[in-house]
Amino acid sequence: MDRVHSKRNSPELTRPRVLATDIAWPSADVERAVLAEAGATLVVAPTGDSAELAALAADADAILTCFAKVPAEVLDAAPRCRTVARYGVGVDNIDVEHATRLGMVVSNVPTYCTDEVADSALLGILALARRLVPFTRDVAAGGWGRSVPGTSVRLRGRVLGLVGLGAIGRALVPRARAIGLDVVAFTRSGGVDPGIRRAASLEELLREADVVSLHVPLTDGTRHLIGPRQLAAMKPTAWLVNTARGGLVDTDALLAALDAGVIAGAALDVTDPEPLPADHPLRGRADVVLTPHVAFSSDGSLAELARKAAGNVVDVLQGRIPRTVVNPDVLTSAALRSPLAAR
């Protein structure tokens, strides 16, 4: 009886429990250390399956999530959960509205990989211009490039069109200008930074740009932002670059546009679906630079991401408002599961 009593009251079982739905890097040591310093325990889900997450969420005080879906049924299974923290910028894998109804604070980390993603967008542009994919494939197959049709493209003087101008879009501007690209931007708010040309509409940007690079979140309003009509508005020599979210682009429409020569190529770090099926026709194309959603990743960015996401969890567990709340309405809601004070 004494052993049972001591087990129920052991520090390990009374410490706040944080469920990590999935980890997209080799180790959870950084976030585990941040949480341990605050007296919390990290539990990493083995598979990220929804049924498994619902079971593990039953005694979770907080949820950390990267790519795994956190739908209403997982949130409903977590009666103690006070916060859902995203490892990353977009929160389209979380049912934010339902979390708000339940009184859970949802947070993200919007600035951890600005340089990495801007570098990756520039890399995609350079790889398309210098025809990196067909040349490296030819050399790997024993050739020496002379059998690869077409020529590379001079970038100086061409136009980069930015759709969205958040931190990553802004970081891409000086990189693009350094290689001689002119920059024009379109934002739904209508505003752009001083010194950056503004397109009056998305269609205007698509008609003018030699490269279109996407830098907006995925929402109901931006899903398939680039579809058949938008692709048809682009130059036949233009390229599409997507380092944001796969769902921004209608994949079938993009494939059809590439096949028909409506546009000249694409550089994609994100796709819809993701991952692409092994036999998907976008794989293996010489006019597509395809990477597996790794634009965000570097040794520095991953450590920063883990530290900041875990820090957002600690803030809520210790009664503070995180720096980056996605659903601020919850802070004044009667449903809020614990009182929070500003820093």
C-alpha atoms as a PDB file:
ATOM      1  CA  MET A   1       0.000   0.000   0.000  1.00  0.00           C
ATOM      2  CA  ASP A   2       2.823   2.415   0.871  1.00  0.00           C
ATOM      3  CA  ARG A   3       4.488   1.682  -2.470  1.00  0.00           C
ATOM      4  CA  VAL A   4       1.265   2.495  -4.346  1.00  0.00           C
ATOM      5  CA  HIS A   5       0.800   5.706  -2.383  1.00  0.00           C
ATOM      6  CA  SER A   6       4.371   6.849  -3.004  1.00  0.00           C
ATOM      7  CA  LYS A   7       4.112   6.065  -6.707  1.00  0.00           C
ATOM      8  CA  ARG A   8       0.952   8.114  -7.138  1.00  0.00           C
ATOM      9  CA  ASN A   9       2.590  11.066  -5.430  1.00  0.00           C
ATOM     10  CA  SER A  10       6.012  10.731  -7.019  1.00  0.00           C
ATOM     11  CA  PRO A  11       7.455  13.922  -8.537  1.00  0.00           C
ATOM     12  CA  GLU A  12       7.599  12.260 -11.962  1.00  0.00           C
ATOM     13  CA  LEU A  13       3.835  11.717 -12.061  1.00  0.00           C
ATOM     14  CA  THR A  14       2.932  15.165 -10.703  1.00  0.00           C
ATOM     15  CA  ARG A  15       5.209  17.064 -13.087  1.00  0.00           C
ATOM     16  CA  PRO A  16       3.475  18.660 -16.100  1.00  0.00           C
ATOM     17  CA  ARG A  17       3.558  16.317 -19.095  1.00  0.00           C
ATOM     18  CA  VAL A  18       4.238  17.665 -22.569  1.00  0.00           C
ATOM     19  CA  LEU A  19       3.342  15.489 -25.556  1.00  0.00           C
ATOM     20  CA  ALA A  20       5.486  15.880 -28.674  1.00  0.00           C
ATOM     21  CA  THR A  21       3.464  14.499 -31.573  1.00  0.00           C
ATOM     22  CA  ASP A  22       6.483  14.167 -33.870  1.00  0.00           C
ATOM     23  CA  ILE A  23      10.133  15.211 -34.053  1.00  0.00           C
ATOM     24  CA  ALA A  24      11.620  15.933 -37.483  1.00  0.00           C
ATOM     25  CA  TRP A  25      15.251  15.953 -36.320  1.00  0.00           C
ATOM     26  CA  PRO A  26      17.567  13.407 -34.696  1.00  0.00           C
ATOM     27  CA  SER A  27      17.136  14.365 -31.046  1.00  0.00           C
ATOM     28  CA  ALA A  28      14.709  16.095 -28.677  1.00  0.00           C
ATOM     29  CA  ASP A  29      17.520  16.973 -26.264  1.00  0.00           C
ATOM     30  CA  VAL A  30      17.123  20.751 -26.596  1.00  0.00           C
ATOM     31  CA  GLU A  31      13.424  20.920 -25.853  1.00  0.00           C
ATOM     32  CA  ARG A  32      13.704  18.203 -23.218  1.00  0.00           C
ATOM     33  CA  ALA A  33      16.281  20.313 -21.376  1.00  0.00           C
ATOM     34  CA  VAL A  34      14.170  23.487 -21.616  1.00  0.00           C
ATOM     35  CA  LEU A  35      11.122  21.675 -20.260  1.00  0.00           C
ATOM     36  CA  ALA A  36      13.070  19.845 -17.541  1.00  0.00           C
ATOM     37  CA  GLU A  37      14.421  23.150 -16.244  1.00  0.00           C
ATOM     38  CA  ALA A  38      10.777  24.220 -15.808  1.00  0.00           C
ATOM     39  CA  GLY A  39       9.897  20.960 -14.072  1.00  0.00           C
ATOM     40  CA  ALA A  40       8.058  19.389 -17.025  1.00  0.00           C
ATOM     41  CA  THR A  41       8.443  15.965 -18.645  1.00  0.00           C
ATOM     42  CA  LEU A  42       8.550  15.421 -22.424  1.00  0.00           C
ATOM     43  CA  VAL A  43       6.827  12.378 -23.951  1.00  0.00           C
ATOM     44  CA  VAL A  44       7.493  11.767 -27.666  1.00  0.00           C
ATOM     45  CA  ALA A  45       4.800   9.871 -29.576  1.00  0.00           C
ATOM     46  CA  PRO A  46       6.228   6.823 -31.351  1.00  0.00           C
ATOM     47  CA  THR A  47       4.330   7.232 -34.638  1.00  0.00           C
ATOM     48  CA  GLY A  48       2.189  10.385 -34.632  1.00  0.00           C
ATOM     49  CA  ASP A  49      -0.908   8.400 -35.593  1.00  0.00           C
ATOM     50  CA  SER A  50      -4.150  10.187 -34.611  1.00  0.00           C
ATOM     51  CA  ALA A  51      -5.447   7.319 -32.458  1.00  0.00           C
ATOM     52  CA  GLU A  52      -2.115   7.068 -30.667  1.00  0.00           C
ATOM     53  CA  LEU A  53      -2.023  10.839 -30.116  1.00  0.00           C
ATOM     54  CA  ALA A  54      -5.538  10.841 -28.698  1.00  0.00           C
ATOM     55  CA  ALA A  55      -4.534   8.170 -26.187  1.00  0.00           C
ATOM     56  CA  LEU A  56      -1.319   9.945 -25.184  1.00  0.00           C
ATOM     57  CA  ALA A  57      -3.064  13.328 -24.960  1.00  0.00           C
ATOM     58  CA  ALA A  58      -5.300  12.136 -22.134  1.00  0.00           C
ATOM     59  CA  ASP A  59      -2.813  13.213 -19.456  1.00  0.00           C
ATOM     60  CA  ALA A  60      -0.953  15.902 -21.413  1.00  0.00           C
ATOM     61  CA  ASP A  61      -0.717  19.430 -20.022  1.00  0.00           C
ATOM     62  CA  ALA A  62       0.657  20.715 -23.321  1.00  0.00           C
ATOM     63  CA  ILE A  63       1.221  19.536 -26.886  1.00  0.00           C
ATOM     64  CA  LEU A  64       4.222  20.234 -29.108  1.00  0.00           C
ATOM     65  CA  THR A  65       3.727  19.449 -32.790  1.00  0.00           C
ATOM     66  CA  CYS A  66       5.754  19.640 -35.973  1.00  0.00           C
ATOM     67  CA  PHE A  67       4.100  18.037 -39.020  1.00  0.00           C
ATOM     68  CA  ALA A  68       1.575  15.672 -37.389  1.00  0.00           C
ATOM     69  CA  LYS A  69      -2.088  16.610 -37.573  1.00  0.00           C
ATOM     70  CA  VAL A  70      -3.654  17.813 -34.329  1.00  0.00           C
ATOM     71  CA  PRO A  71      -7.370  17.614 -35.167  1.00  0.00           C
ATOM     72  CA  ALA A  72     -10.430  18.164 -32.979  1.00  0.00           C
ATOM     73  CA  GLU A  73     -10.517  14.549 -31.803  1.00  0.00           C
ATOM     74  CA  VAL A  74      -6.985  14.780 -30.389  1.00  0.00           C
ATOM     75  CA  LEU A  75      -7.784  18.089 -28.682  1.00  0.00           C
ATOM     76  CA  ASP A  76     -11.012  16.672 -27.243  1.00  0.00           C
ATOM     77  CA  ALA A  77      -9.016  13.802 -25.761  1.00  0.00           C
ATOM     78  CA  ALA A  78      -6.794  16.221 -23.827  1.00  0.00           C
ATOM     79  CA  PRO A  79      -8.875  17.647 -20.949  1.00  0.00           C
ATOM     80  CA  ARG A  80      -5.797  18.968 -19.114  1.00  0.00           C
ATOM     81  CA  CYS A  81      -4.063  20.484 -22.114  1.00  0.00           C
ATOM     82  CA  ARG A  82      -3.550  24.239 -21.810  1.00  0.00           C
ATOM     83  CA  THR A  83      -1.518  24.944 -24.932  1.00  0.00           C
ATOM     84  CA  VAL A  84      -0.564  23.611 -28.368  1.00  0.00           C
ATOM     85  CA  ALA A  85       2.812  24.863 -29.590  1.00  0.00           C
ATOM     86  CA  ARG A  86       3.881  24.480 -33.206  1.00  0.00           C
ATOM     87  CA  TYR A  87       7.466  23.720 -34.123  1.00  0.00           C
ATOM     88  CA  GLY A  88       7.411  26.148 -37.049  1.00  0.00           C
ATOM     89  CA  VAL A  89       5.541  29.005 -38.669  1.00  0.00           C
ATOM     90  CA  GLY A  90       2.322  27.682 -40.224  1.00  0.00           C
ATOM     91  CA  VAL A  91      -0.416  26.186 -38.073  1.00  0.00           C
ATOM     92  CA  ASP A  92      -2.498  24.518 -40.794  1.00  0.00           C
ATOM     93  CA  ASN A  93      -1.932  21.107 -39.145  1.00  0.00           C
ATOM     94  CA  ILE A  94      -3.702  22.279 -35.953  1.00  0.00           C
ATOM     95  CA  ASP A  95      -7.441  22.810 -35.570  1.00  0.00           C
ATOM     96  CA  VAL A  96      -6.894  26.298 -34.162  1.00  0.00           C
ATOM     97  CA  GLU A  97     -10.592  27.182 -33.994  1.00  0.00           C
ATOM     98  CA  HIS A  98     -11.391  24.122 -31.913  1.00  0.00           C
ATOM     99  CA  ALA A  99      -8.381  24.714 -29.668  1.00  0.00           C
ATOM    100  CA  THR A 100      -9.688  28.236 -29.069  1.00  0.00           C
ATOM    101  CA  ARG A 101     -13.146  26.925 -28.185  1.00  0.00           C
ATOM    102  CA  LEU A 102     -11.536  24.592 -25.668  1.00  0.00           C
ATOM    103  CA  GLY A 103      -9.477  27.396 -24.123  1.00  0.00           C
ATOM    104  CA  MET A 104      -6.063  26.256 -25.375  1.00  0.00           C
ATOM    105  CA  VAL A 105      -3.414  28.808 -26.324  1.00  0.00           C
ATOM    106  CA  VAL A 106      -1.884  28.058 -29.737  1.00  0.00           C
ATOM    107  CA  SER A 107       1.602  29.418 -30.444  1.00  0.00           C
ATOM    108  CA  ASN A 108       4.156  29.193 -33.228  1.00  0.00           C
ATOM    109  CA  VAL A 109       7.771  30.146 -33.969  1.00  0.00           C
ATOM    110  CA  PRO A 110       7.659  32.581 -36.890  1.00  0.00           C
ATOM    111  CA  THR A 111      11.292  33.674 -37.144  1.00  0.00           C
ATOM    112  CA  TYR A 112      13.597  30.721 -36.504  1.00  0.00           C
ATOM    113  CA  CYS A 113      14.516  29.822 -40.107  1.00  0.00           C
ATOM    114  CA  THR A 114      14.270  33.091 -42.019  1.00  0.00           C
ATOM    115  CA  ASP A 115      17.789  32.904 -43.416  1.00  0.00           C
ATOM    116  CA  GLU A 116      17.594  29.204 -44.236  1.00  0.00           C
ATOM    117  CA  VAL A 117      14.354  29.463 -46.230  1.00  0.00           C
ATOM    118  CA  ALA A 118      15.474  32.633 -48.013  1.00  0.00           C
ATOM    119  CA  ASP A 119      18.724  30.848 -48.917  1.00  0.00           C
ATOM    120  CA  SER A 120      16.743  27.851 -50.180  1.00  0.00           C
ATOM    121  CA  ALA A 121      14.497  30.026 -52.354  1.00  0.00           C
ATOM    122  CA  LEU A 122      17.592  31.648 -53.854  1.00  0.00           C
ATOM    123  CA  LEU A 123      19.138  28.209 -54.325  1.00  0.00           C
ATOM    124  CA  GLY A 124      16.053  27.087 -56.260  1.00  0.00           C
ATOM    125  CA  ILE A 125      16.309  30.116 -58.541  1.00  0.00           C
ATOM    126  CA  LEU A 126      20.021  29.553 -59.164  1.00  0.00           C
ATOM    127  CA  ALA A 127      19.534  25.819 -59.721  1.00  0.00           C
ATOM    128  CA  LEU A 128      16.882  26.498 -62.364  1.00  0.00           C
ATOM    129  CA  ALA A 129      18.921  29.220 -64.040  1.00  0.00           C
ATOM    130  CA  ARG A 130      22.121  27.163 -64.130  1.00  0.00           C
ATOM    131  CA  ARG A 131      20.239  23.950 -65.051  1.00  0.00           C
ATOM    132  CA  LEU A 132      21.731  22.126 -62.095  1.00  0.00           C
ATOM    133  CA  VAL A 133      19.395  19.120 -62.224  1.00  0.00           C
ATOM    134  CA  PRO A 134      19.928  18.046 -65.868  1.00  0.00           C
ATOM    135  CA  PHE A 135      23.678  18.720 -65.725  1.00  0.00           C
ATOM    136  CA  THR A 136      24.305  16.773 -62.525  1.00  0.00           C
ATOM    137  CA  ARG A 137      22.146  13.891 -63.715  1.00  0.00           C
ATOM    138  CA  ASP A 138      24.034  13.742 -67.003  1.00  0.00           C
ATOM    139  CA  VAL A 139      27.407  13.697 -65.245  1.00  0.00           C
ATOM    140  CA  ALA A 140      26.217  11.027 -62.784  1.00  0.00           C
ATOM    141  CA  ALA A 141      25.159   8.892 -65.757  1.00  0.00           C
ATOM    142  CA  GLY A 142      28.635   9.105 -67.317  1.00  0.00           C
ATOM    143  CA  GLY A 143      28.102  12.075 -69.618  1.00  0.00           C
ATOM    144  CA  TRP A 144      29.707  15.485 -69.602  1.00  0.00           C
ATOM    145  CA  GLY A 145      26.824  17.829 -70.301  1.00  0.00           C
ATOM    146  CA  ARG A 146      27.133  18.179 -74.060  1.00  0.00           C
ATOM    147  CA  SER A 147      24.078  16.012 -74.584  1.00  0.00           C
ATOM    148  CA  VAL A 148      21.906  18.194 -72.312  1.00  0.00           C
ATOM    149  CA  PRO A 149      19.646  20.356 -74.484  1.00  0.00           C
ATOM    150  CA  GLY A 150      19.144  24.053 -73.896  1.00  0.00           C
ATOM    151  CA  THR A 151      21.265  26.747 -72.264  1.00  0.00           C
ATOM    152  CA  SER A 152      21.479  28.370 -68.869  1.00  0.00           C
ATOM    153  CA  VAL A 153      19.773  31.687 -68.175  1.00  0.00           C
ATOM    154  CA  ARG A 154      21.389  35.011 -67.261  1.00  0.00           C
ATOM    155  CA  LEU A 155      19.587  36.305 -64.177  1.00  0.00           C
ATOM    156  CA  ARG A 156      20.824  39.902 -64.115  1.00  0.00           C
ATOM    157  CA  GLY A 157      18.033  42.243 -65.142  1.00  0.00           C
ATOM    158  CA  ARG A 158      15.244  39.706 -64.747  1.00  0.00           C
ATOM    159  CA  VAL A 159      12.290  40.183 -62.388  1.00  0.00           C
ATOM    160  CA  LEU A 160      11.628  38.277 -59.177  1.00  0.00           C
ATOM    161  CA  GLY A 161       7.994  38.488 -58.082  1.00  0.00           C
ATOM    162  CA  LEU A 162       7.361  37.923 -54.368  1.00  0.00           C
ATOM    163  CA  VAL A 163       3.877  36.804 -53.362  1.00  0.00           C
ATOM    164  CA  GLY A 164       3.808  37.857 -49.725  1.00  0.00           C
ATOM    165  CA  LEU A 165       6.385  39.938 -47.909  1.00  0.00           C
ATOM    166  CA  GLY A 166       6.881  38.573 -44.425  1.00  0.00           C
ATOM    167  CA  ALA A 167      10.238  37.972 -42.792  1.00  0.00           C
ATOM    168  CA  ILE A 168      11.366  35.388 -45.365  1.00  0.00           C
ATOM    169  CA  GLY A 169      10.251  37.416 -48.369  1.00  0.00           C
ATOM    170  CA  ARG A 170      12.053  40.452 -46.978  1.00  0.00           C
ATOM    171  CA  ALA A 171      15.200  38.378 -46.381  1.00  0.00           C
ATOM    172  CA  LEU A 172      15.123  37.178 -49.985  1.00  0.00           C
ATOM    173  CA  VAL A 173      15.132  40.751 -51.363  1.00  0.00           C
ATOM    174  CA  PRO A 174      18.827  41.591 -50.721  1.00  0.00           C
ATOM    175  CA  ARG A 175      19.872  38.108 -51.798  1.00  0.00           C
ATOM    176  CA  ALA A 176      18.009  38.512 -55.082  1.00  0.00           C
ATOM    177  CA  ARG A 177      19.373  41.976 -55.693  1.00  0.00           C
ATOM    178  CA  ALA A 178      22.904  40.707 -55.068  1.00  0.00           C
ATOM    179  CA  ILE A 179      22.642  38.524 -58.186  1.00  0.00           C
ATOM    180  CA  GLY A 180      21.066  41.291 -60.256  1.00  0.00           C
ATOM    181  CA  LEU A 181      17.362  40.538 -59.990  1.00  0.00           C
ATOM    182  CA  ASP A 182      14.807  43.329 -59.944  1.00  0.00           C
ATOM    183  CA  VAL A 183      12.174  42.744 -57.233  1.00  0.00           C
ATOM    184  CA  VAL A 184       8.441  43.361 -57.326  1.00  0.00           C
ATOM    185  CA  ALA A 185       6.052  42.250 -54.580  1.00  0.00           C
ATOM    186  CA  PHE A 186       2.340  41.692 -54.115  1.00  0.00           C
ATOM    187  CA  THR A 187       0.716  41.555 -50.686  1.00  0.00           C
ATOM    188  CA  ARG A 188      -2.967  41.223 -49.928  1.00  0.00           C
ATOM    189  CA  SER A 189      -2.705  44.123 -47.516  1.00  0.00           C
ATOM    190  CA  GLY A 190      -1.471  46.283 -50.376  1.00  0.00           C
ATOM    191  CA  GLY A 191       1.618  47.471 -48.546  1.00  0.00           C
ATOM    192  CA  VAL A 192       5.272  46.822 -49.323  1.00  0.00           C
ATOM    193  CA  ASP A 193       8.521  48.102 -47.853  1.00  0.00           C
ATOM    194  CA  PRO A 194      10.074  51.320 -49.136  1.00  0.00           C
ATOM    195  CA  GLY A 195      12.348  50.618 -52.084  1.00  0.00           C
ATOM    196  CA  ILE A 196      10.409  47.533 -53.237  1.00  0.00           C
ATOM    197  CA  ARG A 197       8.169  47.907 -56.253  1.00  0.00           C
ATOM    198  CA  ARG A 198       4.543  47.025 -55.617  1.00  0.00           C
ATOM    199  CA  ALA A 199       2.316  45.057 -57.968  1.00  0.00           C
ATOM    200  CA  ALA A 200      -1.297  46.219 -57.889  1.00  0.00           C
ATOM    201  CA  SER A 201      -2.601  42.647 -58.155  1.00  0.00           C
ATOM    202  CA  LEU A 202      -1.423  39.064 -58.162  1.00  0.00           C
ATOM    203  CA  GLU A 203      -2.224  38.863 -61.869  1.00  0.00           C
ATOM    204  CA  GLU A 204      -0.029  41.892 -62.594  1.00  0.00           C
ATOM    205  CA  LEU A 205       2.857  40.309 -60.722  1.00  0.00           C
ATOM    206  CA  LEU A 206       2.409  36.986 -62.526  1.00  0.00           C
ATOM    207  CA  ARG A 207       2.476  38.686 -65.931  1.00  0.00           C
ATOM    208  CA  GLU A 208       5.655  40.652 -65.165  1.00  0.00           C
ATOM    209  CA  ALA A 209       7.800  38.232 -63.172  1.00  0.00           C
ATOM    210  CA  ASP A 210      10.429  35.915 -64.595  1.00  0.00           C
ATOM    211  CA  VAL A 211      10.474  34.099 -61.254  1.00  0.00           C
ATOM    212  CA  VAL A 212       7.459  33.866 -58.922  1.00  0.00           C
ATOM    213  CA  SER A 213       8.323  32.977 -55.313  1.00  0.00           C
ATOM    214  CA  LEU A 214       5.596  32.209 -52.760  1.00  0.00           C
ATOM    215  CA  HIS A 215       5.839  33.510 -49.179  1.00  0.00           C
ATOM    216  CA  VAL A 216       2.330  33.374 -47.696  1.00  0.00           C
ATOM    217  CA  PRO A 217       0.736  31.058 -45.102  1.00  0.00           C
ATOM    218  CA  LEU A 218      -1.660  28.300 -46.099  1.00  0.00           C
ATOM    219  CA  THR A 219      -5.237  29.219 -45.191  1.00  0.00           C
ATOM    220  CA  ASP A 220      -8.658  28.559 -46.689  1.00  0.00           C
ATOM    221  CA  GLY A 221      -8.165  31.767 -48.657  1.00  0.00           C
ATOM    222  CA  THR A 222      -4.736  30.876 -50.045  1.00  0.00           C
ATOM    223  CA  ARG A 223      -5.225  27.174 -50.823  1.00  0.00           C
ATOM    224  CA  HIS A 224      -4.496  26.671 -54.528  1.00  0.00           C
ATOM    225  CA  LEU A 225      -3.554  30.330 -54.795  1.00  0.00           C
ATOM    226  CA  ILE A 226      -1.618  29.221 -57.873  1.00  0.00           C
ATOM    227  CA  GLY A 227      -3.931  27.243 -60.132  1.00  0.00           C
ATOM    228  CA  PRO A 228      -4.594  26.929 -63.884  1.00  0.00           C
ATOM    229  CA  ARG A 229      -5.579  30.565 -64.380  1.00  0.00           C
ATOM    230  CA  GLN A 230      -2.601  31.941 -62.478  1.00  0.00           C
ATOM    231  CA  LEU A 231      -0.144  29.636 -64.242  1.00  0.00           C
ATOM    232  CA  ALA A 232      -1.564  30.687 -67.606  1.00  0.00           C
ATOM    233  CA  ALA A 233      -0.899  34.326 -66.669  1.00  0.00           C
ATOM    234  CA  MET A 234       2.817  33.657 -66.199  1.00  0.00           C
ATOM    235  CA  LYS A 235       5.424  33.971 -68.936  1.00  0.00           C
ATOM    236  CA  PRO A 236       6.234  30.724 -70.771  1.00  0.00           C
ATOM    237  CA  THR A 237       9.868  31.294 -69.733  1.00  0.00           C
ATOM    238  CA  ALA A 238       8.996  31.871 -66.052  1.00  0.00           C
ATOM    239  CA  TRP A 239       9.685  29.672 -63.048  1.00  0.00           C
ATOM    240  CA  LEU A 240       7.626  29.039 -59.913  1.00  0.00           C
ATOM    241  CA  VAL A 241       9.411  28.718 -56.539  1.00  0.00           C
ATOM    242  CA  ASN A 242       7.573  27.408 -53.468  1.00  0.00           C
ATOM    243  CA  THR A 243       9.307  27.166 -50.096  1.00  0.00           C
ATOM    244  CA  ALA A 244       6.144  28.024 -48.115  1.00  0.00           C
ATOM    245  CA  ARG A 245       3.354  25.401 -48.154  1.00  0.00           C
ATOM    246  CA  GLY A 246       2.528  22.773 -50.759  1.00  0.00           C
ATOM    247  CA  GLY A 247      -1.198  23.506 -50.680  1.00  0.00           C
ATOM    248  CA  LEU A 248      -0.615  26.984 -52.123  1.00  0.00           C
ATOM    249  CA  VAL A 249      -0.160  25.322 -55.517  1.00  0.00           C
ATOM    250  CA  ASP A 250      -2.598  23.136 -57.427  1.00  0.00           C
ATOM    251  CA  THR A 251      -0.222  20.254 -58.131  1.00  0.00           C
ATOM    252  CA  ASP A 252      -2.220  18.828 -61.039  1.00  0.00           C
ATOM    253  CA  ALA A 253      -2.405  22.258 -62.652  1.00  0.00           C
ATOM    254  CA  LEU A 254       1.338  22.752 -62.212  1.00  0.00           C
ATOM    255  CA  LEU A 255       2.110  19.395 -63.785  1.00  0.00           C
ATOM    256  CA  ALA A 256      -0.164  20.187 -66.731  1.00  0.00           C
ATOM    257  CA  ALA A 257       1.456  23.619 -67.146  1.00  0.00           C
ATOM    258  CA  LEU A 258       4.930  22.105 -67.206  1.00  0.00           C
ATOM    259  CA  ASP A 259       3.899  19.424 -69.696  1.00  0.00           C
ATOM    260  CA  ALA A 260       2.317  22.021 -72.000  1.00  0.00           C
ATOM    261  CA  GLY A 261       5.159  24.536 -71.739  1.00  0.00           C
ATOM    262  CA  VAL A 262       2.897  27.111 -70.076  1.00  0.00           C
ATOM    263  CA  ILE A 263       5.791  27.809 -67.670  1.00  0.00           C
ATOM    264  CA  ALA A 264       9.422  26.740 -67.920  1.00  0.00           C
ATOM    265  CA  GLY A 265      10.090  25.123 -64.551  1.00  0.00           C
ATOM    266  CA  ALA A 266       9.593  24.996 -60.807  1.00  0.00           C
ATOM    267  CA  ALA A 267      11.626  24.723 -57.613  1.00  0.00           C
ATOM    268  CA  LEU A 268       9.605  23.093 -54.851  1.00  0.00           C
ATOM    269  CA  ASP A 269      10.612  22.371 -51.275  1.00  0.00           C
ATOM    270  CA  VAL A 270       6.968  21.712 -50.356  1.00  0.00           C
ATOM    271  CA  THR A 271       4.330  19.765 -52.245  1.00  0.00           C
ATOM    272  CA  ASP A 272       0.695  18.686 -52.099  1.00  0.00           C
ATOM    273  CA  PRO A 273       0.465  15.837 -51.204  1.00  0.00           C
ATOM    274  CA  GLU A 274       3.516  15.611 -49.011  1.00  0.00           C
ATOM    275  CA  PRO A 275       5.465  13.497 -49.375  1.00  0.00           C
ATOM    276  CA  LEU A 276       4.839  12.958 -53.067  1.00  0.00           C
ATOM    277  CA  PRO A 277       4.096   9.329 -53.968  1.00  0.00           C
ATOM    278  CA  ALA A 278       7.218   7.527 -55.167  1.00  0.00           C
ATOM    279  CA  ASP A 279       5.855   7.302 -58.707  1.00  0.00           C
ATOM    280  CA  HIS A 280       4.557  10.875 -58.900  1.00  0.00           C
ATOM    281  CA  PRO A 281       5.359  12.469 -62.273  1.00  0.00           C
ATOM    282  CA  LEU A 282       6.855  15.590 -60.674  1.00  0.00           C
ATOM    283  CA  ARG A 283       9.693  13.384 -59.436  1.00  0.00           C
ATOM    284  CA  GLY A 284      12.509  12.963 -61.906  1.00  0.00           C
ATOM    285  CA  ARG A 285      11.701  15.919 -64.162  1.00  0.00           C
ATOM    286  CA  ALA A 286      14.653  17.898 -65.519  1.00  0.00           C
ATOM    287  CA  ASP A 287      12.644  21.134 -65.245  1.00  0.00           C
ATOM    288  CA  VAL A 288      11.807  20.691 -61.547  1.00  0.00           C
ATOM    289  CA  VAL A 289      14.127  21.167 -58.568  1.00  0.00           C
ATOM    290  CA  LEU A 290      12.538  19.107 -55.813  1.00  0.00           C
ATOM    291  CA  THR A 291      13.643  18.931 -52.172  1.00  0.00           C
ATOM    292  CA  PRO A 292      11.863  17.144 -49.280  1.00  0.00           C
ATOM    293  CA  HIS A 293      10.603  20.053 -47.116  1.00  0.00           C
ATOM    294  CA  VAL A 294      14.042  20.807 -45.710  1.00  0.00           C
ATOM    295  CA  ALA A 295      14.350  24.538 -46.473  1.00  0.00           C
ATOM    296  CA  PHE A 296      13.855  25.308 -42.775  1.00  0.00           C
ATOM    297  CA  SER A 297      16.567  22.951 -41.594  1.00  0.00           C
ATOM    298  CA  SER A 298      20.079  23.725 -40.390  1.00  0.00           C
ATOM    299  CA  ASP A 299      22.034  23.027 -37.232  1.00  0.00           C
ATOM    300  CA  GLY A 300      21.320  26.521 -35.947  1.00  0.00           C
ATOM    301  CA  SER A 301      17.693  26.794 -36.995  1.00  0.00           C
ATOM    302  CA  LEU A 302      16.653  23.454 -35.493  1.00  0.00           C
ATOM    303  CA  ALA A 303      18.188  24.266 -32.117  1.00  0.00           C
ATOM    304  CA  GLU A 304      16.513  27.691 -32.149  1.00  0.00           C
ATOM    305  CA  LEU A 305      13.191  26.162 -33.168  1.00  0.00           C
ATOM    306  CA  ALA A 306      13.219  23.562 -30.401  1.00  0.00           C
ATOM    307  CA  ARG A 307      14.230  26.118 -27.792  1.00  0.00           C
ATOM    308  CA  LYS A 308      11.582  28.679 -28.773  1.00  0.00           C
ATOM    309  CA  ALA A 309       8.734  26.167 -29.183  1.00  0.00           C
ATOM    310  CA  ALA A 310       9.491  24.602 -25.810  1.00  0.00           C
ATOM    311  CA  GLY A 311       9.802  28.091 -24.344  1.00  0.00           C
ATOM    312  CA  ASN A 312       6.283  28.903 -25.534  1.00  0.00           C
ATOM    313  CA  VAL A 313       5.025  25.837 -23.686  1.00  0.00           C
ATOM    314  CA  VAL A 314       6.896  26.797 -20.520  1.00  0.00           C
ATOM    315  CA  ASP A 315       5.399  30.286 -20.650  1.00  0.00           C
ATOM    316  CA  VAL A 316       1.844  28.919 -20.537  1.00  0.00           C
ATOM    317  CA  LEU A 317       2.632  26.291 -17.905  1.00  0.00           C
ATOM    318  CA  GLN A 318       4.106  29.022 -15.711  1.00  0.00           C
ATOM    319  CA  GLY A 319       1.241  31.447 -16.249  1.00  0.00           C
ATOM    320  CA  ARG A 320       2.739  33.772 -18.859  1.00  0.00           C
ATOM    321  CA  ILE A 321       1.495  34.751 -22.304  1.00  0.00           C
ATOM    322  CA  PRO A 322       3.850  33.422 -25.007  1.00  0.00           C
ATOM    323  CA  ARG A 323       5.467  35.943 -27.327  1.00  0.00           C
ATOM    324  CA  THR A 324       3.780  34.501 -30.422  1.00  0.00           C
ATOM    325  CA  VAL A 325       0.138  33.620 -29.788  1.00  0.00           C
ATOM    326  CA  VAL A 326      -1.709  32.517 -32.931  1.00  0.00           C
ATOM    327  CA  ASN A 327      -5.213  32.755 -31.397  1.00  0.00           C
ATOM    328  CA  PRO A 328      -5.151  35.888 -29.211  1.00  0.00           C
ATOM    329  CA  ASP A 329      -8.944  35.783 -28.759  1.00  0.00           C
ATOM    330  CA  VAL A 330      -8.474  32.863 -26.368  1.00  0.00           C
ATOM    331  CA  LEU A 331      -6.697  35.136 -23.893  1.00  0.00           C
ATOM    332  CA  THR A 332      -9.954  36.935 -23.067  1.00  0.00           C
ATOM    333  CA  SER A 333     -12.184  33.887 -23.435  1.00  0.00           C
ATOM    334  CA  ALA A 334     -14.092  32.422 -20.512  1.00  0.00           C
ATOM    335  CA  ALA A 335     -12.917  29.042 -21.767  1.00  0.00           C
ATOM    336  CA  LEU A 336      -9.218  29.811 -21.166  1.00  0.00           C
ATOM    337  CA  ARG A 337      -7.929  26.879 -19.154  1.00  0.00           C
ATOM    338  CA  SER A 338      -5.529  28.832 -16.960  1.00  0.00           C
ATOM    339  CA  PRO A 339      -5.068  32.524 -16.179  1.00  0.00           C
ATOM    340  CA  LEU A 340      -2.136  34.108 -17.999  1.00  0.00           C
ATOM    341  CA  ALA A 341      -0.349  37.351 -17.291  1.00  0.00           C
ATOM    342  CA  ALA A 342       1.623  39.473 -19.725  1.00  0.00           C
ATOM    343  CA  ARG A 343       5.383  39.402 -19.366  1.00  0.00           C
END
